[in-house]
Protein backbone atom coordinates (compact mmCIF):
# COMPACT_ATOMS: atom_id res chain seq x y z
CA MET A 1 129.82 83.34 106.81
CA VAL A 2 131.20 80.10 105.18
CA LEU A 3 127.74 78.67 103.02
CA MET A 4 127.81 75.01 102.23
CA TYR A 5 125.81 73.47 99.22
CA ALA A 6 124.90 70.35 97.59
CA LEU A 7 126.70 70.14 94.52
CA LEU A 8 124.89 68.71 91.66
CA LEU A 9 126.52 67.45 88.50
CA ALA A 10 125.24 65.49 85.58
CA LEU A 11 127.68 63.04 84.18
CA PHE A 12 128.12 63.14 80.50
CA VAL A 13 130.53 61.17 78.18
CA THR A 14 133.46 60.77 80.13
CA PRO A 15 131.99 60.03 83.96
CA VAL A 16 135.83 59.24 85.23
CA GLN A 17 136.83 62.50 84.05
CA ASP A 18 133.98 64.54 85.31
CA ARG A 19 134.47 63.02 88.67
CA GLU A 20 138.09 64.11 88.81
CA VAL A 21 136.83 67.68 87.93
CA VAL A 22 134.60 67.52 90.77
CA ARG A 23 137.26 66.10 92.96
CA GLN A 24 139.80 68.82 92.17
CA SER A 25 137.25 71.36 92.68
CA GLU A 26 136.02 70.26 95.97
CA ALA A 27 139.35 70.02 97.24
CA HIS A 28 140.21 73.61 95.89
CA PHE A 29 136.97 74.42 97.88
CA ALA A 30 137.56 72.60 101.19
CA ARG A 31 141.46 74.60 100.90
CA GLY A 32 139.82 77.80 100.99
CA ILE A 33 137.37 77.28 103.64
CA GLU A 34 140.21 76.31 105.89
CA LEU A 35 142.47 79.36 104.51
CA GLN A 36 139.53 81.48 105.12
CA GLN A 37 138.98 80.47 108.85
CA LYS A 38 142.71 80.81 109.57
CA GLY A 39 142.17 84.41 108.50
CA ASP A 40 144.04 83.90 104.96
CA LEU A 41 142.21 85.90 103.04
CA THR A 42 144.29 86.07 99.79
CA GLY A 43 145.09 82.38 100.34
CA ALA A 44 141.09 81.47 100.48
CA ARG A 45 140.42 83.63 97.72
CA ASP A 46 142.86 81.93 95.31
CA ALA A 47 141.65 78.58 96.34
CA TYR A 48 137.89 79.63 95.53
CA GLU A 49 138.87 81.21 92.09
CA ALA A 50 140.67 77.62 91.50
CA ALA A 51 137.48 76.03 92.38
CA LEU A 52 135.66 77.97 90.16
CA ARG A 53 137.77 77.53 87.11
CA LEU A 54 136.82 74.11 87.14
CA ILE A 55 133.25 74.27 87.92
CA PRO A 56 132.16 77.85 87.13
CA ARG A 57 128.80 77.34 88.56
CA ARG A 58 129.27 76.46 92.15
CA VAL A 59 126.93 78.82 94.33
CA ASP A 60 129.02 77.95 97.38
CA ALA A 61 132.21 78.98 95.87
CA LEU A 62 130.92 82.22 94.41
CA THR A 63 129.42 83.17 97.76
CA ASN A 64 132.39 82.63 99.96
CA LEU A 65 134.67 84.56 97.21
CA GLY A 66 132.44 87.14 97.42
CA VAL A 67 132.67 87.19 101.25
CA VAL A 68 136.26 87.01 101.04
CA TYR A 69 136.58 89.83 98.58
CA ALA A 70 134.31 91.75 100.72
CA LYS A 71 136.69 91.24 104.07
CA LEU A 72 139.49 92.41 101.68
CA GLY A 73 137.74 96.00 101.05
CA GLN A 74 137.53 94.85 97.28
CA PHE A 75 133.57 95.60 97.15
CA ASP A 76 133.20 95.26 93.42
CA PRO A 77 134.51 92.20 92.96
CA ALA A 78 132.59 91.17 95.92
CA ILE A 79 129.29 92.12 94.45
CA LYS A 80 130.37 90.69 91.21
CA ASN A 81 130.23 87.13 92.88
CA TYR A 82 127.36 87.68 94.82
CA LYS A 83 125.35 88.82 91.94
CA ALA A 84 126.95 85.61 90.11
CA ALA A 85 125.53 83.34 92.93
CA LEU A 86 122.10 84.91 93.18
CA ALA A 87 121.33 84.22 89.46
CA LEU A 88 121.66 80.70 90.24
CA GLU A 89 120.06 81.00 93.63
CA PRO A 90 117.86 83.87 93.53
CA GLN A 91 116.15 82.70 96.73
CA GLU A 92 119.08 82.65 98.88
CA SER A 93 118.32 85.29 101.64
CA GLN A 94 122.00 84.98 102.62
CA ILE A 95 123.50 86.01 99.48
CA ARG A 96 121.32 88.75 99.12
CA LEU A 97 121.85 90.11 102.95
CA ASN A 98 125.72 89.80 101.73
CA LEU A 99 124.92 91.73 98.32
CA GLY A 100 123.42 94.53 100.60
CA LEU A 101 125.85 94.78 102.95
CA ALA A 102 128.31 95.17 100.17
CA TYR A 103 126.60 98.34 99.04
CA TYR A 104 126.22 99.15 102.21
CA GLN A 105 129.99 99.47 103.23
CA MET A 106 130.09 101.12 100.24
CA ASP A 107 127.99 103.79 101.54
CA ARG A 108 125.50 103.08 98.45
CA TYR A 109 122.65 103.00 100.52
CA ASP A 110 120.41 103.73 97.42
CA LEU A 111 121.52 100.17 96.11
CA ALA A 112 121.48 98.41 99.27
CA TYR A 113 118.07 98.87 100.53
CA PRO A 114 116.34 97.23 97.72
CA GLU A 115 118.32 94.11 98.76
CA PHE A 116 117.69 94.29 102.24
CA ALA A 117 113.86 95.05 101.16
CA GLN A 118 113.93 91.80 99.68
CA VAL A 119 115.66 89.79 102.47
CA VAL A 120 112.89 91.34 104.77
CA LYS A 121 110.23 90.42 102.68
CA ALA A 122 111.08 86.97 102.67
CA GLN A 123 112.15 86.91 106.45
CA PRO A 124 109.71 88.88 108.25
CA THR A 125 111.37 88.35 111.47
CA ASN A 126 114.94 88.75 110.45
CA LEU A 127 115.63 91.43 112.77
CA GLN A 128 119.26 92.19 111.48
CA ALA A 129 117.93 92.78 107.78
CA LYS A 130 115.24 95.27 109.27
CA PHE A 131 117.56 97.19 111.16
CA LEU A 132 119.75 97.50 108.05
CA LEU A 133 116.50 98.26 106.01
CA GLY A 134 115.78 100.87 108.34
CA THR A 135 118.87 102.23 108.54
CA CYS A 136 119.16 102.89 104.57
CA TYR A 137 115.68 103.72 104.36
CA PHE A 138 116.75 106.72 106.78
CA SER A 139 120.07 107.32 104.57
CA VAL A 140 118.08 107.96 101.47
CA GLY A 141 115.06 110.21 103.27
CA LYS A 142 112.83 107.59 103.51
CA LEU A 143 111.75 108.87 106.83
CA SER A 144 108.44 107.14 107.51
CA GLU A 145 109.84 103.62 105.72
CA ALA A 146 112.86 103.79 108.12
CA ILE A 147 110.73 104.46 111.14
CA ALA A 148 108.13 101.79 110.19
CA GLU A 149 111.34 99.10 110.04
CA LEU A 150 113.54 100.34 113.00
CA GLU A 151 110.38 100.78 115.71
CA PRO A 152 109.79 96.68 115.97
CA VAL A 153 113.55 96.49 116.32
CA TYR A 154 113.80 98.70 119.36
CA ALA A 155 110.69 97.17 121.01
CA THR A 156 112.75 94.03 121.29
CA HIS A 157 116.44 95.60 121.50
CA SER A 158 115.87 98.61 123.50
CA GLU A 159 119.10 98.31 124.78
CA ASP A 160 121.04 98.53 121.59
CA LEU A 161 122.26 102.18 121.04
CA SER A 162 122.58 101.27 117.06
CA VAL A 163 118.87 100.98 116.89
CA ALA A 164 118.23 103.86 119.26
CA TYR A 165 120.47 106.05 117.80
CA ILE A 166 118.89 105.45 113.99
CA LEU A 167 115.54 105.80 115.44
CA ALA A 168 116.45 108.78 117.50
CA ASN A 169 117.83 110.32 114.18
CA ALA A 170 114.62 109.44 112.10
CA TYR A 171 112.28 110.97 114.55
CA LEU A 172 114.18 114.25 114.47
CA HIS A 173 114.66 114.49 110.61
CA HIS A 174 110.75 113.46 110.50
CA ASP A 175 109.66 116.00 112.63
CA GLN A 176 108.52 113.99 115.19
CA LEU A 177 110.39 116.01 117.80
CA ASP A 178 108.42 114.84 120.99
CA LYS A 179 109.12 111.12 120.20
CA GLY A 180 113.28 112.04 119.36
CA GLN A 181 113.64 113.96 122.49
CA MET A 182 112.16 111.11 124.47
CA LEU A 183 114.32 108.79 123.08
CA VAL A 184 117.30 110.87 123.33
CA ASP A 185 116.69 111.67 126.94
CA LYS A 186 115.62 108.16 127.70
CA VAL A 187 118.99 106.65 126.21
CA PHE A 188 121.58 109.35 125.07
CA LYS A 189 121.38 112.64 127.19
CA ASN A 190 123.64 111.43 130.10
CA LEU A 191 125.94 109.87 127.70
CA GLN A 192 129.18 111.67 126.87
CA SER A 193 129.83 110.43 123.64
CA ALA A 194 130.35 111.98 120.12
CA GLU A 195 126.96 110.52 118.94
CA SER A 196 124.90 111.32 121.67
CA HIS A 197 126.18 114.96 121.36
CA LEU A 198 125.31 114.79 117.74
CA LEU A 199 121.72 113.88 118.47
CA MET A 200 121.74 116.62 120.84
CA GLY A 201 123.10 119.30 118.41
CA THR A 202 120.50 117.82 115.70
CA LEU A 203 117.49 118.10 118.61
CA TYR A 204 118.75 122.09 119.21
CA SER A 205 119.18 122.47 115.71
CA ALA A 206 115.44 121.35 114.68
CA ARG A 207 114.51 124.03 117.67
CA ARG A 208 116.43 127.09 115.95
CA GLU A 209 118.34 126.86 118.83
CA LEU A 210 121.57 127.65 116.99
CA GLN A 211 124.01 128.55 119.61
CA LEU A 212 123.41 125.44 121.91
CA ALA A 213 123.30 123.31 118.38
CA ALA A 214 126.71 124.51 117.40
CA GLU A 215 127.97 123.74 120.75
CA GLU A 216 126.75 120.15 120.92
CA LEU A 217 127.88 119.67 117.62
CA GLN A 218 131.41 120.78 117.50
CA LYS A 219 131.71 118.76 121.32
CA ALA A 220 130.60 115.62 119.03
CA ILE A 221 133.41 116.29 116.49
CA SER A 222 135.81 117.24 119.23
CA LEU A 223 135.21 113.22 120.70
CA ASN A 224 135.06 112.08 117.08
CA PRO A 225 136.49 114.16 114.13
CA LYS A 226 135.22 111.40 111.87
CA LEU A 227 131.77 110.58 113.12
CA PRO A 228 129.29 110.73 110.07
CA THR A 229 127.62 113.92 109.23
CA ALA A 230 128.72 115.84 112.39
CA HIS A 231 130.14 118.24 109.84
CA SER A 232 127.34 118.86 107.88
CA GLN A 233 124.75 118.94 110.54
CA LEU A 234 127.26 121.87 111.60
CA GLY A 235 127.54 123.42 108.31
CA ILE A 236 123.70 123.52 108.36
CA VAL A 237 123.84 125.55 111.47
CA PHE A 238 126.41 127.86 110.16
CA LEU A 239 124.18 128.26 106.93
CA MET A 240 121.43 129.47 109.69
CA SER A 241 123.30 131.56 111.39
CA GLY A 242 124.39 133.45 108.39
CA ASN A 243 127.88 131.96 108.77
CA ARG A 244 128.75 131.33 105.10
CA GLU A 245 132.56 130.98 105.23
CA MET A 246 132.33 128.45 108.33
CA ALA A 247 129.59 126.63 106.37
CA THR A 248 131.74 125.77 103.81
CA LYS A 249 134.45 124.91 105.63
CA ALA A 250 132.01 122.14 107.54
CA PHE A 251 130.80 121.00 104.46
CA GLN A 252 134.41 120.68 102.88
CA ASP A 253 135.46 118.59 106.02
CA GLU A 254 132.44 116.36 105.42
CA LEU A 255 133.40 115.90 101.84
CA THR A 256 136.50 114.95 102.87
CA LEU A 257 135.82 112.19 105.47
CA ASN A 258 132.71 111.03 103.15
CA ALA A 259 132.33 111.46 99.61
CA ASN A 260 128.77 110.33 99.64
CA ASP A 261 127.09 112.42 102.23
CA PHE A 262 124.04 113.64 100.51
CA ILE A 263 123.87 116.63 102.43
CA ALA A 264 127.51 118.04 101.89
CA ASN A 265 127.01 117.41 98.22
CA THR A 266 123.55 119.05 97.86
CA ARG A 267 124.67 122.29 100.11
CA LEU A 268 127.81 122.69 99.11
CA GLY A 269 126.85 122.37 95.15
CA TRP A 270 123.94 125.22 96.11
CA MET A 271 126.78 127.51 97.30
CA TYR A 272 129.26 126.92 95.03
CA ARG A 273 126.31 127.65 92.20
CA GLU A 274 125.49 131.04 94.14
CA ASP A 275 129.47 131.70 93.89
CA GLY A 276 129.79 131.39 90.34
CA ARG A 277 131.78 128.33 90.69
CA LEU A 278 129.60 126.20 88.26
CA ASP A 279 131.90 123.55 87.17
CA GLU A 280 132.66 122.22 90.62
CA GLY A 281 128.89 122.98 91.85
CA GLU A 282 127.60 120.90 88.72
CA LYS A 283 129.90 117.96 90.11
CA LEU A 284 128.38 118.05 93.47
CA LEU A 285 125.24 118.06 92.75
CA LYS A 286 125.40 115.23 90.09
CA ARG A 287 126.67 113.38 92.64
CA ALA A 288 123.89 114.17 95.19
CA LEU A 289 121.13 112.97 92.81
CA GLU A 290 123.39 109.82 92.06
CA LEU A 291 122.88 109.08 95.90
CA ARG A 292 119.23 110.17 95.50
CA PRO A 293 118.10 110.03 91.76
CA ASN A 294 114.55 111.37 92.66
CA ASP A 295 115.41 114.11 95.32
CA PRO A 296 113.86 117.30 93.89
CA GLY A 297 116.45 119.76 96.02
CA PRO A 298 119.50 119.17 94.06
CA MET A 299 117.55 118.50 91.00
CA PHE A 300 116.02 122.14 90.88
CA GLN A 301 119.83 123.15 92.15
CA LEU A 302 121.42 121.44 89.15
CA ALA A 303 118.80 122.78 86.83
CA GLN A 304 119.54 126.53 87.91
CA LEU A 305 123.22 125.81 87.58
CA ILE A 306 122.79 124.13 83.87
CA ASN A 307 121.06 126.93 82.79
CA ALA A 308 123.40 129.14 83.77
CA GLN A 309 125.93 127.22 81.77
CA GLY A 310 124.03 127.98 78.69
CA LYS A 311 122.51 124.51 78.36
CA PRO A 312 118.52 125.54 78.58
CA ALA A 313 117.31 121.95 77.13
CA GLU A 314 119.15 119.89 79.84
CA ALA A 315 118.10 122.41 82.32
CA VAL A 316 114.39 121.82 81.40
CA GLU A 317 114.75 118.10 81.30
CA LEU A 318 115.55 118.50 85.12
CA LEU A 319 112.81 121.03 85.58
CA GLU A 320 110.32 118.61 84.04
CA GLY A 321 111.38 116.10 86.68
CA VAL A 322 111.00 118.46 89.64
CA VAL A 323 107.33 119.66 88.72
CA LYS A 324 106.34 115.83 88.10
CA ILE A 325 107.34 115.35 91.77
CA LEU A 326 106.28 118.50 93.37
CA PRO A 327 103.51 119.74 90.84
CA LYS A 328 102.77 122.37 93.00
CA TYR A 329 106.23 124.07 93.52
CA SER A 330 105.92 127.58 91.51
CA PRO A 331 109.64 128.68 91.28
CA ALA A 332 110.27 125.58 89.17
CA HIS A 333 106.89 126.45 86.87
CA VAL A 334 108.19 129.87 86.26
CA LEU A 335 112.13 128.91 85.57
CA LEU A 336 110.27 126.15 82.94
CA ALA A 337 107.65 128.53 81.51
CA ARG A 338 110.66 131.11 80.50
CA LEU A 339 113.05 128.22 79.06
CA TYR A 340 109.79 126.73 77.17
CA PHE A 341 109.83 130.15 75.84
CA LYS A 342 113.50 130.63 75.13
CA LEU A 343 113.15 127.12 73.00
CA LYS A 344 110.49 128.29 71.36
CA ARG A 345 108.13 125.52 72.59
CA ASN A 346 105.04 128.28 73.22
CA ASP A 347 102.57 126.14 73.65
CA ASP A 348 104.49 124.17 76.77
CA ALA A 349 105.10 127.80 77.77
CA ARG A 350 101.81 128.76 77.83
CA ARG A 351 100.75 125.78 79.77
CA GLU A 352 103.21 126.82 82.37
CA GLN A 353 101.70 130.18 82.53
CA ALA A 354 98.37 128.78 83.14
CA ILE A 355 99.65 126.45 86.11
CA ILE A 356 101.52 129.18 87.69
CA GLU A 357 98.19 131.35 87.75
CA LYS A 358 96.38 128.62 88.95
CA LEU A 359 98.83 128.09 91.69
CA ARG A 360 98.70 132.00 92.50
CA ILE A 361 94.90 131.94 92.65
CA GLU A 362 95.23 128.69 95.35
CA GLU A 363 98.00 130.49 97.37
CA GLN A 364 95.42 133.46 97.93
CA GLN A 365 92.81 131.38 98.94
CA LYS A 366 94.72 129.50 101.54
CA GLN A 367 94.70 130.95 105.30
CA PRO A 368 97.54 133.86 105.76
CA THR A 369 99.61 131.30 107.84
CA ALA A 370 99.57 128.10 105.34
CA GLU A 371 102.69 127.70 103.23
CA SER A 372 102.59 126.41 99.53
CA GLN A 373 104.34 123.22 98.79
CA LYS A 374 108.11 124.10 98.50
CA LEU A 375 111.64 122.48 98.21
CA SER A 376 113.69 122.06 101.62
CA ASP A 377 116.03 125.61 101.23
CA PRO A 378 119.36 125.28 102.40
CA LYS A 379 119.03 128.37 104.45
CA ASP A 380 116.05 127.50 106.18
CA ARG A 381 115.83 123.87 107.05
CA ALA A 382 117.88 122.33 109.58
CA ILE A 383 117.82 118.56 109.24
CA LYS A 384 115.99 117.20 106.24
CA ASP A 385 118.81 115.59 104.59
CA PRO A 386 119.84 112.82 107.02
CA LEU A 387 122.80 110.83 106.17
CA LEU A 388 123.98 108.79 109.01
CA LYS A 389 125.36 105.62 109.35
CA PRO A 390 125.31 103.33 112.47
CA HIS A 391 128.23 102.42 114.74
CA PRO A 392 127.16 99.08 115.87
């Protein structure tokens, strides 16, 4: 989108010279718009940059230059220009939406959703921003928030398959299987598309109907080998079926398509750690934590791996983060106590032992069918780590 702004300049001691600078900058800017509308993106880029060399604080030129860079697939300079424009016009929602879209197109949903959230706060009826925000929330595992944003969008755009697709996935990953199945049956069950088979496979996986899940996911991949998360979901089904070799291949295939897939980074990192491939596992788990900095799953796995590398102090720092997020997760307290003793932090170790004993007593007092607070186990959980990108 080409944004137009009124350019306000104060004229100082040489008004004729200043007017000439303004005239030249305006000419370059107008040329940039003309070339951009004709599809000459590199020419438009050069024209906007020429306008900015004369007047660096032009919000319109900064914004349009960001748009051009984004269309060229050069997202880092696009983001730089959007941020520069926002520094001058922080309340301009269209620029902030563009910034969020640049992060989104880089699969950096963790960076995109704060921008979309500000747009929605300023423009509560902006359904595009709400859809993008809901999608990003879903992609970073904020499932309740995703559903809250997507439901009102679906209520007014029930015919939009992209909205239905993400909302159905959000329901399924949030264990709202009844709502998820109703939406799948209503919109996708009779569609022979890769997305519909992925949804059906996800639903069967949540129900532990593993053979049916594998069949649906393989159909999805046969129709679209590059469908985001399809290989990851198939990898999880293989893990639950005990087929570790096929699970490894599925996660590797996903990462070949998308290095930012949270599920594949976490699961394959966990598997590499168990196989003793510590350097490879560390790289993947650190990437998973970069994508979701406060997720205790990869945090705990990385702590175990780093401890195995002989770095207990670094492992302790990660474990302290885990128990802060999940204070009743006993395995983290157990490992933390052992490492505190190893590091001669005996008072901290005894404190952890007291917590472990308290949790043990609480667990004994629970009903036999109740489960303690726990992390998602890669062998046990089917679809708790969503990272689907919509296909508008």
